[in-house]
Amino acid sequence: MGAIESIEAGPAARRAIPGTPVFDGDAAARGYALNAMCYSFNSAENRAAYQADEEAYFDRFNLTQEQREAVRARDVLKMIEAGGNIYYLAKLAGIYGLNVQDVGAQQTGMSVEAFRQMLLDAAHQQEEA
């Protein structure tokens, strides 16, 4: 099957992409509390409440210990492993002043500068093609 492998056989087969957590129904269920918390950051009032007392905000949404540890560490990859959806996590990343390049660097294990240079190099290659 190439880079995408089937974990199970049959119509309900789950796909695995090596090195990439797949956001499926199981991940959505596992990450519901974390994603609900991040969704709440659409409100400035909620962002302020979170910044005033993170632990109380974790309690408000019943985050698991794994989710709490990932958020405390500001580790986006761990948040994804804990069921976080990158689109919701972006709201949390914004609170910390992280942008898409910061998150991309975390996901690839690169420094932000190296990740930015990789993007620039790829853009230049496309311009030349």
Protein backbone atom coordinates (compact mmCIF):
# COMPACT_ATOMS: atom_id res chain seq x y z
CA MET A 1 0.00 0.00 0.00
CA GLY A 2 3.01 2.32 -0.03
CA ALA A 3 3.38 4.95 2.68
CA ILE A 4 -0.12 4.33 4.00
CA GLU A 5 -0.61 0.96 5.62
CA SER A 6 -3.81 -0.75 6.72
CA ILE A 7 -3.85 -1.66 10.41
CA GLU A 8 -6.86 -3.98 10.10
CA ALA A 9 -8.55 -5.74 7.23
CA GLY A 10 -12.10 -5.06 6.07
CA PRO A 11 -14.27 -2.00 5.53
CA ALA A 12 -13.48 -0.55 8.96
CA ALA A 13 -9.72 -0.74 8.33
CA ARG A 14 -7.72 1.99 9.99
CA ARG A 15 -4.92 3.57 8.04
CA ALA A 16 -1.51 4.29 9.47
CA ILE A 17 0.86 6.86 8.06
CA PRO A 18 4.28 6.22 9.62
CA GLY A 19 5.24 9.06 11.94
CA THR A 20 1.82 10.72 11.64
CA PRO A 21 -0.95 10.41 14.21
CA VAL A 22 -4.21 9.92 12.32
CA PHE A 23 -7.13 11.95 13.66
CA ASP A 24 -9.95 9.44 13.51
CA GLY A 25 -13.02 8.70 15.61
CA ASP A 26 -10.94 7.18 18.40
CA ALA A 27 -8.67 10.22 18.54
CA ALA A 28 -11.69 12.54 18.49
CA ALA A 29 -13.24 10.72 21.44
CA ARG A 30 -9.94 10.63 23.33
CA GLY A 31 -9.30 14.31 22.68
CA TYR A 32 -12.81 15.66 23.21
CA ALA A 33 -12.01 17.55 26.45
CA LEU A 34 -8.83 19.10 25.06
CA ASN A 35 -10.50 20.13 21.81
CA ALA A 36 -13.53 21.54 23.65
CA MET A 37 -11.20 23.60 25.83
CA CYS A 38 -9.37 24.93 22.78
CA TYR A 39 -12.64 25.72 21.03
CA SER A 40 -13.64 27.82 24.05
CA PHE A 41 -10.74 30.17 23.23
CA ASN A 42 -12.89 31.74 20.52
CA SER A 43 -14.00 33.98 23.40
CA ALA A 44 -11.61 36.64 24.71
CA GLU A 45 -13.17 36.16 28.15
CA ASN A 46 -12.26 32.47 28.11
CA ARG A 47 -8.72 33.17 26.93
CA ALA A 48 -8.30 35.57 29.86
CA ALA A 49 -9.72 33.02 32.31
CA TYR A 50 -7.29 30.39 31.01
CA GLN A 51 -4.33 32.72 31.30
CA ALA A 52 -5.35 33.69 34.84
CA ASP A 53 -5.50 30.08 36.09
CA GLU A 54 -4.58 27.26 33.72
CA GLU A 55 -5.13 24.52 36.28
CA ALA A 56 -8.67 25.67 37.07
CA TYR A 57 -9.37 25.81 33.35
CA PHE A 58 -8.07 22.24 32.95
CA ASP A 59 -10.47 21.20 35.72
CA ARG A 60 -13.36 23.03 34.06
CA PHE A 61 -12.93 20.85 30.96
CA ASN A 62 -11.88 17.64 32.76
CA LEU A 63 -8.62 17.25 30.88
CA THR A 64 -6.83 13.94 31.36
CA GLN A 65 -3.44 13.84 33.05
CA GLU A 66 -1.81 13.20 29.65
CA GLN A 67 -3.53 16.27 28.17
CA ARG A 68 -2.61 18.45 31.17
CA GLU A 69 1.04 17.43 30.95
CA ALA A 70 1.17 18.09 27.20
CA VAL A 71 -0.40 21.53 27.59
CA ARG A 72 1.84 22.45 30.53
CA ALA A 73 4.87 21.49 28.42
CA ARG A 74 3.51 23.48 25.44
CA ASP A 75 4.21 20.35 23.41
CA VAL A 76 1.92 20.35 20.38
CA LEU A 77 2.98 16.84 19.32
CA LYS A 78 2.03 15.43 22.73
CA MET A 79 -1.28 17.28 22.52
CA ILE A 80 -1.93 15.63 19.15
CA GLU A 81 -1.03 12.25 20.62
CA ALA A 82 -3.53 12.99 23.42
CA GLY A 83 -6.29 13.42 20.82
CA GLY A 84 -5.86 17.08 20.02
CA ASN A 85 -6.95 18.29 16.60
CA ILE A 86 -4.44 20.72 15.08
CA TYR A 87 -7.22 23.13 14.05
CA TYR A 88 -8.37 23.48 17.65
CA LEU A 89 -4.82 23.41 19.03
CA ALA A 90 -3.99 26.41 16.85
CA LYS A 91 -6.23 28.48 19.13
CA LEU A 92 -4.15 27.41 22.13
CA ALA A 93 -0.88 27.96 20.26
CA GLY A 94 -2.00 31.53 19.57
CA ILE A 95 -2.37 32.20 23.29
CA TYR A 96 1.31 31.31 23.69
CA GLY A 97 2.31 33.48 20.75
CA LEU A 98 3.14 30.50 18.54
CA ASN A 99 2.46 30.74 14.84
CA VAL A 100 2.07 28.08 12.15
CA GLN A 101 5.82 27.97 11.53
CA ASP A 102 6.50 27.38 15.24
CA VAL A 103 4.06 24.48 15.24
CA GLY A 104 5.44 23.11 11.95
CA ALA A 105 8.95 23.17 13.40
CA GLN A 106 7.75 21.18 16.43
CA GLN A 107 6.04 18.66 14.17
CA THR A 108 9.15 18.10 12.07
CA GLY A 109 11.67 18.23 14.92
CA MET A 110 13.42 21.19 13.30
CA SER A 111 14.33 24.58 14.68
CA VAL A 112 11.99 27.37 13.59
CA GLU A 113 14.78 28.89 11.52
CA ALA A 114 15.51 25.57 9.75
CA PHE A 115 11.79 24.99 9.13
CA ARG A 116 11.40 28.50 7.71
CA GLN A 117 14.41 27.97 5.43
CA MET A 118 12.96 24.64 4.25
CA LEU A 119 9.75 26.46 3.27
CA LEU A 120 11.69 29.17 1.44
CA ASP A 121 13.81 26.58 -0.38
CA ALA A 122 10.68 24.68 -1.46
CA ALA A 123 9.09 27.90 -2.72
CA HIS A 124 12.21 28.75 -4.73
CA GLN A 125 12.28 25.26 -6.25
CA GLN A 126 8.67 25.65 -7.37
CA GLU A 127 9.42 29.05 -8.91
CA GLU A 128 12.28 27.53 -10.89
CA ALA A 129 10.21 24.59 -12.13
